[in-house]
Amino acid sequence: MQLSSIMTPDPIVVAPDNSVHHALGILLRHGFRHLLVTEERSLVGVVSDRDLFRNLSPFIDKLAERTRDRATLKRRIHQIMSRHPVTASPDIDTRDAAQLMLKNAVSCLPIVENGRLVGIVTSRDLLASTVSRSLPAA
């Protein structure tokens, strides 16, 4: 099975100059764990929920919150994103994609074709495809 059959096409993306607050809102609203960072449909990075939470002050919305805690929400995505992400093409096999993810210790693969972002596959997508293939036919 090829990645094109399980990828999420045209994923929601953020720009490098978007704020952490903006990206956090998208993640929370949609239940995502990864956001791809693009400039003119070209992939420039990936930001995960862990990246965001690691860069936010734990005192936001707490009694002990200070101005500098709230300022962490104003940081820009390019300051915390992972650059040069591991990518895959839509025509590679899901097994090869899983091996690529394990080898590089990543939990998502941006799908790139002809230098342009066309989709995303996450570890959850790979697991779901494995389970659906192993279920007996009804």
N, C-alpha and C. Protein backbone atom coordinates (compact mmCIF):
# COMPACT_ATOMS: atom_id res chain seq x y z
N MET A 1 0.85 -1.18 0.00
CA MET A 1 0.00 0.00 0.00
C MET A 1 0.89 1.23 0.00
N GLN A 2 0.55 2.19 -0.83
CA GLN A 2 1.32 3.42 -0.94
C GLN A 2 0.83 4.49 0.04
N LEU A 3 1.74 5.38 0.39
CA LEU A 3 1.37 6.47 1.30
C LEU A 3 0.24 7.33 0.76
N SER A 4 0.16 7.45 -0.55
CA SER A 4 -0.90 8.29 -1.14
C SER A 4 -2.29 7.81 -0.74
N SER A 5 -2.42 6.52 -0.43
CA SER A 5 -3.74 5.99 -0.07
C SER A 5 -4.11 6.23 1.39
N ILE A 6 -3.14 6.61 2.23
CA ILE A 6 -3.47 6.84 3.64
C ILE A 6 -3.14 8.26 4.11
N MET A 7 -2.47 9.04 3.27
CA MET A 7 -2.06 10.39 3.71
C MET A 7 -3.27 11.32 3.81
N THR A 8 -3.09 12.34 4.62
CA THR A 8 -4.05 13.43 4.67
C THR A 8 -3.58 14.46 3.65
N PRO A 9 -4.35 14.66 2.58
CA PRO A 9 -3.91 15.61 1.56
C PRO A 9 -4.15 17.06 2.00
N ASP A 10 -3.36 17.95 1.45
CA ASP A 10 -3.51 19.38 1.72
C ASP A 10 -3.69 19.69 3.20
N PRO A 11 -2.70 19.33 4.01
CA PRO A 11 -2.85 19.56 5.46
C PRO A 11 -2.87 21.04 5.81
N ILE A 12 -3.45 21.34 6.95
CA ILE A 12 -3.43 22.70 7.48
C ILE A 12 -1.97 23.01 7.84
N VAL A 13 -1.52 24.17 7.44
CA VAL A 13 -0.12 24.55 7.67
C VAL A 13 -0.06 25.89 8.38
N VAL A 14 1.13 26.19 8.89
CA VAL A 14 1.40 27.50 9.47
C VAL A 14 2.62 28.09 8.77
N ALA A 15 2.77 29.38 8.89
CA ALA A 15 3.92 30.08 8.32
C ALA A 15 4.98 30.26 9.41
N PRO A 16 6.23 30.38 9.02
CA PRO A 16 7.29 30.54 10.02
C PRO A 16 7.10 31.73 10.95
N ASP A 17 6.45 32.79 10.46
CA ASP A 17 6.26 33.98 11.29
C ASP A 17 4.97 33.97 12.10
N ASN A 18 4.17 32.91 11.98
CA ASN A 18 2.99 32.79 12.84
C ASN A 18 3.44 32.64 14.28
N SER A 19 2.58 33.05 15.19
CA SER A 19 2.93 32.97 16.62
C SER A 19 2.68 31.56 17.17
N VAL A 20 3.32 31.28 18.26
CA VAL A 20 3.09 30.04 18.99
C VAL A 20 1.62 29.97 19.40
N HIS A 21 1.06 31.09 19.80
CA HIS A 21 -0.35 31.14 20.19
C HIS A 21 -1.25 30.70 19.04
N HIS A 22 -0.98 31.17 17.84
CA HIS A 22 -1.76 30.80 16.65
C HIS A 22 -1.66 29.28 16.40
N ALA A 23 -0.46 28.76 16.42
CA ALA A 23 -0.25 27.32 16.18
C ALA A 23 -0.91 26.48 17.27
N LEU A 24 -0.80 26.90 18.50
CA LEU A 24 -1.43 26.18 19.60
C LEU A 24 -2.94 26.12 19.43
N GLY A 25 -3.53 27.23 19.00
CA GLY A 25 -4.97 27.27 18.75
C GLY A 25 -5.38 26.25 17.69
N ILE A 26 -4.60 26.13 16.62
CA ILE A 26 -4.91 25.16 15.56
C ILE A 26 -4.82 23.74 16.10
N LEU A 27 -3.75 23.45 16.83
CA LEU A 27 -3.58 22.10 17.38
C LEU A 27 -4.73 21.73 18.30
N LEU A 28 -5.09 22.63 19.18
CA LEU A 28 -6.16 22.34 20.14
C LEU A 28 -7.53 22.24 19.46
N ARG A 29 -7.78 23.10 18.50
CA ARG A 29 -9.08 23.11 17.81
C ARG A 29 -9.29 21.84 16.97
N HIS A 30 -8.22 21.36 16.35
CA HIS A 30 -8.35 20.22 15.44
C HIS A 30 -7.87 18.90 16.04
N GLY A 31 -7.27 18.93 17.20
CA GLY A 31 -6.76 17.70 17.82
C GLY A 31 -5.52 17.15 17.13
N PHE A 32 -4.76 18.01 16.46
CA PHE A 32 -3.53 17.60 15.79
C PHE A 32 -2.39 17.46 16.78
N ARG A 33 -1.36 16.73 16.37
CA ARG A 33 -0.12 16.66 17.14
C ARG A 33 1.04 17.26 16.38
N HIS A 34 0.84 17.54 15.08
CA HIS A 34 1.91 18.09 14.25
C HIS A 34 1.34 19.16 13.33
N LEU A 35 2.13 20.18 13.11
CA LEU A 35 1.80 21.19 12.11
C LEU A 35 3.01 21.34 11.20
N LEU A 36 2.72 21.39 9.92
CA LEU A 36 3.77 21.59 8.95
C LEU A 36 3.93 23.09 8.70
N VAL A 37 5.17 23.50 8.53
CA VAL A 37 5.49 24.91 8.35
C VAL A 37 5.92 25.11 6.91
N THR A 38 5.23 26.00 6.21
CA THR A 38 5.52 26.20 4.79
C THR A 38 5.71 27.67 4.46
N GLU A 39 6.44 27.86 3.37
CA GLU A 39 6.54 29.16 2.71
C GLU A 39 6.24 28.90 1.25
N GLU A 40 5.14 29.47 0.75
CA GLU A 40 4.72 29.29 -0.63
C GLU A 40 4.63 27.80 -1.01
N ARG A 41 3.95 27.02 -0.19
CA ARG A 41 3.72 25.58 -0.37
C ARG A 41 4.97 24.72 -0.32
N SER A 42 6.12 25.33 -0.03
CA SER A 42 7.35 24.57 0.15
C SER A 42 7.55 24.33 1.64
N LEU A 43 7.83 23.12 2.00
CA LEU A 43 8.01 22.74 3.40
C LEU A 43 9.33 23.31 3.93
N VAL A 44 9.26 23.97 5.08
CA VAL A 44 10.47 24.50 5.71
C VAL A 44 10.67 23.95 7.13
N GLY A 45 9.65 23.29 7.68
CA GLY A 45 9.80 22.74 9.02
C GLY A 45 8.56 22.04 9.52
N VAL A 46 8.70 21.47 10.72
CA VAL A 46 7.60 20.81 11.41
C VAL A 46 7.62 21.28 12.85
N VAL A 47 6.44 21.52 13.39
CA VAL A 47 6.33 21.84 14.82
C VAL A 47 5.33 20.87 15.42
N SER A 48 5.71 20.26 16.53
CA SER A 48 4.84 19.30 17.20
C SER A 48 4.21 19.92 18.43
N ASP A 49 3.22 19.22 18.95
CA ASP A 49 2.62 19.70 20.19
C ASP A 49 3.66 19.72 21.30
N ARG A 50 4.57 18.76 21.29
CA ARG A 50 5.63 18.74 22.30
C ARG A 50 6.55 19.94 22.18
N ASP A 51 6.87 20.33 20.93
CA ASP A 51 7.68 21.53 20.73
C ASP A 51 6.99 22.75 21.34
N LEU A 52 5.69 22.86 21.07
CA LEU A 52 4.93 24.01 21.58
C LEU A 52 4.89 24.02 23.10
N PHE A 53 4.53 22.90 23.69
CA PHE A 53 4.39 22.87 25.14
C PHE A 53 5.73 23.03 25.85
N ARG A 54 6.80 22.56 25.22
CA ARG A 54 8.13 22.71 25.79
C ARG A 54 8.56 24.18 25.79
N ASN A 55 8.01 24.96 24.87
CA ASN A 55 8.40 26.37 24.74
C ASN A 55 7.41 27.34 25.38
N LEU A 56 6.38 26.84 26.01
CA LEU A 56 5.41 27.69 26.71
C LEU A 56 5.72 27.71 28.20
N SER A 57 5.48 28.82 28.80
CA SER A 57 5.64 28.90 30.24
C SER A 57 4.56 28.09 30.94
N PRO A 58 4.91 27.33 31.95
CA PRO A 58 3.90 26.56 32.69
C PRO A 58 3.02 27.45 33.57
N PHE A 59 3.34 28.73 33.66
CA PHE A 59 2.59 29.64 34.52
C PHE A 59 1.48 30.39 33.80
N ILE A 60 1.33 30.16 32.48
CA ILE A 60 0.27 30.85 31.74
C ILE A 60 -1.08 30.48 32.32
N ASP A 61 -1.92 31.49 32.55
CA ASP A 61 -3.26 31.34 33.12
C ASP A 61 -3.24 30.83 34.57
N LYS A 62 -2.14 31.02 35.25
CA LYS A 62 -2.04 30.66 36.66
C LYS A 62 -1.88 31.94 37.49
N LEU A 63 -2.11 31.84 38.77
CA LEU A 63 -1.96 32.99 39.66
C LEU A 63 -0.55 33.58 39.60
N ALA A 64 0.44 32.72 39.39
CA ALA A 64 1.83 33.17 39.38
C ALA A 64 2.27 33.72 38.02
N GLU A 65 1.35 33.83 37.05
CA GLU A 65 1.71 34.29 35.70
C GLU A 65 2.30 35.70 35.75
N ARG A 66 3.38 35.87 34.98
CA ARG A 66 4.02 37.18 34.83
C ARG A 66 3.99 37.57 33.36
N THR A 67 4.36 38.78 33.07
CA THR A 67 4.38 39.29 31.70
C THR A 67 5.27 38.43 30.82
N ARG A 68 6.42 38.03 31.31
CA ARG A 68 7.33 37.21 30.50
C ARG A 68 6.75 35.82 30.22
N ASP A 69 5.89 35.32 31.11
CA ASP A 69 5.23 34.03 30.84
C ASP A 69 4.28 34.17 29.66
N ARG A 70 3.48 35.21 29.64
CA ARG A 70 2.54 35.46 28.56
C ARG A 70 3.28 35.71 27.25
N ALA A 71 4.49 36.27 27.33
CA ALA A 71 5.28 36.58 26.14
C ALA A 71 5.70 35.31 25.39
N THR A 72 5.71 34.17 26.06
CA THR A 72 6.09 32.93 25.36
C THR A 72 5.08 32.60 24.26
N LEU A 73 3.85 33.08 24.40
CA LEU A 73 2.83 32.85 23.37
C LEU A 73 3.11 33.67 22.10
N LYS A 74 3.93 34.70 22.23
CA LYS A 74 4.21 35.57 21.10
C LYS A 74 5.43 35.14 20.29
N ARG A 75 6.13 34.12 20.77
CA ARG A 75 7.28 33.64 20.01
C ARG A 75 6.81 33.20 18.63
N ARG A 76 7.71 33.16 17.68
CA ARG A 76 7.40 32.78 16.31
C ARG A 76 7.75 31.32 16.07
N ILE A 77 6.97 30.71 15.20
CA ILE A 77 7.15 29.30 14.90
C ILE A 77 8.57 28.98 14.45
N HIS A 78 9.17 29.84 13.65
CA HIS A 78 10.53 29.56 13.17
C HIS A 78 11.54 29.46 14.30
N GLN A 79 11.20 29.97 15.47
CA GLN A 79 12.09 29.90 16.61
C GLN A 79 12.07 28.54 17.29
N ILE A 80 11.01 27.76 17.07
CA ILE A 80 10.90 26.49 17.79
C ILE A 80 10.72 25.27 16.88
N MET A 81 10.54 25.48 15.59
CA MET A 81 10.26 24.36 14.68
C MET A 81 11.51 23.52 14.43
N SER A 82 11.28 22.30 14.02
CA SER A 82 12.37 21.44 13.55
C SER A 82 12.57 21.73 12.07
N ARG A 83 13.78 22.06 11.72
CA ARG A 83 14.10 22.36 10.32
C ARG A 83 14.57 21.09 9.61
N HIS A 84 14.50 21.09 8.31
CA HIS A 84 14.94 19.95 7.49
C HIS A 84 14.28 18.65 7.93
N PRO A 85 12.95 18.62 7.94
CA PRO A 85 12.26 17.41 8.39
C PRO A 85 12.46 16.23 7.43
N VAL A 86 12.34 15.05 7.97
CA VAL A 86 12.36 13.83 7.17
C VAL A 86 11.06 13.81 6.38
N THR A 87 11.15 13.58 5.07
CA THR A 87 9.97 13.58 4.21
C THR A 87 9.90 12.28 3.42
N ALA A 88 8.77 12.10 2.77
CA ALA A 88 8.57 10.93 1.91
C ALA A 88 7.76 11.35 0.69
N SER A 89 7.81 10.52 -0.33
CA SER A 89 6.99 10.79 -1.52
C SER A 89 5.71 9.96 -1.42
N PRO A 90 4.66 10.37 -2.10
CA PRO A 90 3.38 9.68 -1.97
C PRO A 90 3.39 8.25 -2.51
N ASP A 91 4.37 7.90 -3.33
CA ASP A 91 4.38 6.58 -3.94
C ASP A 91 5.19 5.53 -3.18
N ILE A 92 5.77 5.88 -2.01
CA ILE A 92 6.50 4.84 -1.30
C ILE A 92 5.55 3.95 -0.50
N ASP A 93 5.98 2.75 -0.26
CA ASP A 93 5.20 1.76 0.46
C ASP A 93 5.10 2.12 1.94
N THR A 94 3.98 1.78 2.55
CA THR A 94 3.78 2.10 3.97
C THR A 94 4.81 1.42 4.85
N ARG A 95 5.25 0.23 4.49
CA ARG A 95 6.29 -0.46 5.28
C ARG A 95 7.58 0.33 5.26
N ASP A 96 7.95 0.82 4.08
CA ASP A 96 9.17 1.63 3.97
C ASP A 96 9.02 2.93 4.76
N ALA A 97 7.84 3.49 4.74
CA ALA A 97 7.59 4.72 5.50
C ALA A 97 7.73 4.46 6.99
N ALA A 98 7.20 3.34 7.45
CA ALA A 98 7.30 3.00 8.88
C ALA A 98 8.77 2.82 9.27
N GLN A 99 9.53 2.16 8.43
CA GLN A 99 10.96 1.98 8.71
C GLN A 99 11.68 3.33 8.75
N LEU A 100 11.33 4.20 7.83
CA LEU A 100 11.92 5.54 7.79
C LEU A 100 11.61 6.31 9.07
N MET A 101 10.38 6.21 9.53
CA MET A 101 9.99 6.91 10.75
C MET A 101 10.72 6.34 11.97
N LEU A 102 10.83 5.02 12.03
CA LEU A 102 11.54 4.40 13.15
C LEU A 102 13.02 4.75 13.13
N LYS A 103 13.63 4.68 11.96
CA LYS A 103 15.06 4.97 11.82
C LYS A 103 15.37 6.39 12.26
N ASN A 104 14.48 7.33 11.94
CA ASN A 104 14.72 8.74 12.24
C ASN A 104 14.03 9.22 13.51
N ALA A 105 13.34 8.33 14.21
CA ALA A 105 12.65 8.65 15.47
C ALA A 105 11.71 9.85 15.30
N VAL A 106 10.87 9.78 14.24
CA VAL A 106 9.88 10.82 14.00
C VAL A 106 8.49 10.19 14.01
N SER A 107 7.48 10.99 14.30
CA SER A 107 6.12 10.46 14.36
C SER A 107 5.22 10.99 13.26
N CYS A 108 5.81 11.73 12.32
CA CYS A 108 5.05 12.14 11.14
C CYS A 108 5.99 12.28 9.96
N LEU A 109 5.41 12.11 8.79
CA LEU A 109 6.16 12.30 7.55
C LEU A 109 5.40 13.29 6.67
N PRO A 110 5.97 14.45 6.43
CA PRO A 110 5.39 15.32 5.42
C PRO A 110 5.56 14.62 4.06
N ILE A 111 4.53 14.67 3.23
CA ILE A 111 4.59 14.04 1.93
C ILE A 111 4.84 15.13 0.90
N VAL A 112 5.95 14.97 0.19
CA VAL A 112 6.40 15.99 -0.76
C VAL A 112 6.51 15.37 -2.14
N GLU A 113 6.01 16.12 -3.13
CA GLU A 113 6.09 15.67 -4.52
C GLU A 113 6.52 16.85 -5.38
N ASN A 114 7.57 16.67 -6.16
CA ASN A 114 8.09 17.74 -7.00
C ASN A 114 8.39 19.01 -6.20
N GLY A 115 8.93 18.82 -4.99
CA GLY A 115 9.31 19.95 -4.16
C GLY A 115 8.17 20.66 -3.45
N ARG A 116 6.96 20.16 -3.61
CA ARG A 116 5.79 20.79 -2.98
C ARG A 116 5.15 19.86 -1.96
N LEU A 117 4.69 20.44 -0.87
CA LEU A 117 3.97 19.68 0.15
C LEU A 117 2.61 19.26 -0.40
N VAL A 118 2.32 17.96 -0.33
CA VAL A 118 1.03 17.47 -0.81
C VAL A 118 0.23 16.75 0.27
N GLY A 119 0.87 16.42 1.41
CA GLY A 119 0.14 15.71 2.45
C GLY A 119 0.99 15.44 3.67
N ILE A 120 0.40 14.68 4.58
CA ILE A 120 1.09 14.26 5.80
C ILE A 120 0.62 12.86 6.17
N VAL A 121 1.53 12.07 6.69
CA VAL A 121 1.22 10.76 7.25
C VAL A 121 1.79 10.73 8.65
N THR A 122 1.00 10.30 9.60
CA THR A 122 1.45 10.19 10.98
C THR A 122 1.56 8.73 11.39
N SER A 123 2.18 8.50 12.51
CA SER A 123 2.28 7.13 13.02
C SER A 123 0.89 6.55 13.25
N ARG A 124 -0.04 7.39 13.64
CA ARG A 124 -1.42 6.95 13.84
C ARG A 124 -2.04 6.48 12.52
N ASP A 125 -1.75 7.19 11.42
CA ASP A 125 -2.24 6.77 10.10
C ASP A 125 -1.70 5.40 9.72
N LEU A 126 -0.42 5.19 9.99
CA LEU A 126 0.19 3.90 9.67
C LEU A 126 -0.41 2.78 10.50
N LEU A 127 -0.63 3.04 11.77
CA LEU A 127 -1.26 2.03 12.63
C LEU A 127 -2.67 1.70 12.16
N ALA A 128 -3.43 2.72 11.83
CA ALA A 128 -4.81 2.51 11.38
C ALA A 128 -4.83 1.71 10.08
N SER A 129 -3.89 1.98 9.17
CA SER A 129 -3.87 1.22 7.91
C SER A 129 -3.49 -0.23 8.15
N THR A 130 -2.62 -0.47 9.11
CA THR A 130 -2.21 -1.85 9.44
C THR A 130 -3.39 -2.61 10.04
N VAL A 131 -4.10 -1.99 10.94
CA VAL A 131 -5.25 -2.63 11.58
C VAL A 131 -6.35 -2.91 10.55
N SER A 132 -6.62 -1.94 9.70
CA SER A 132 -7.71 -2.13 8.73
C SER A 132 -7.38 -3.23 7.73
N ARG A 133 -6.10 -3.42 7.41
CA ARG A 133 -5.71 -4.49 6.48
C ARG A 133 -5.78 -5.85 7.13
N SER A 134 -5.61 -5.91 8.46
CA SER A 134 -5.57 -7.20 9.13
C SER A 134 -6.94 -7.67 9.61
N LEU A 135 -7.97 -6.80 9.52
CA LEU A 135 -9.30 -7.21 9.94
C LEU A 135 -9.91 -8.14 8.90
N PRO A 136 -10.64 -9.17 9.34
CA PRO A 136 -11.28 -10.07 8.38
C PRO A 136 -12.39 -9.34 7.62
N ALA A 137 -12.60 -9.75 6.40
CA ALA A 137 -13.67 -9.15 5.59
C ALA A 137 -15.03 -9.48 6.17
N ALA A 138 -15.93 -8.53 6.09
CA ALA A 138 -17.27 -8.72 6.66
C ALA A 138 -18.15 -9.49 5.72
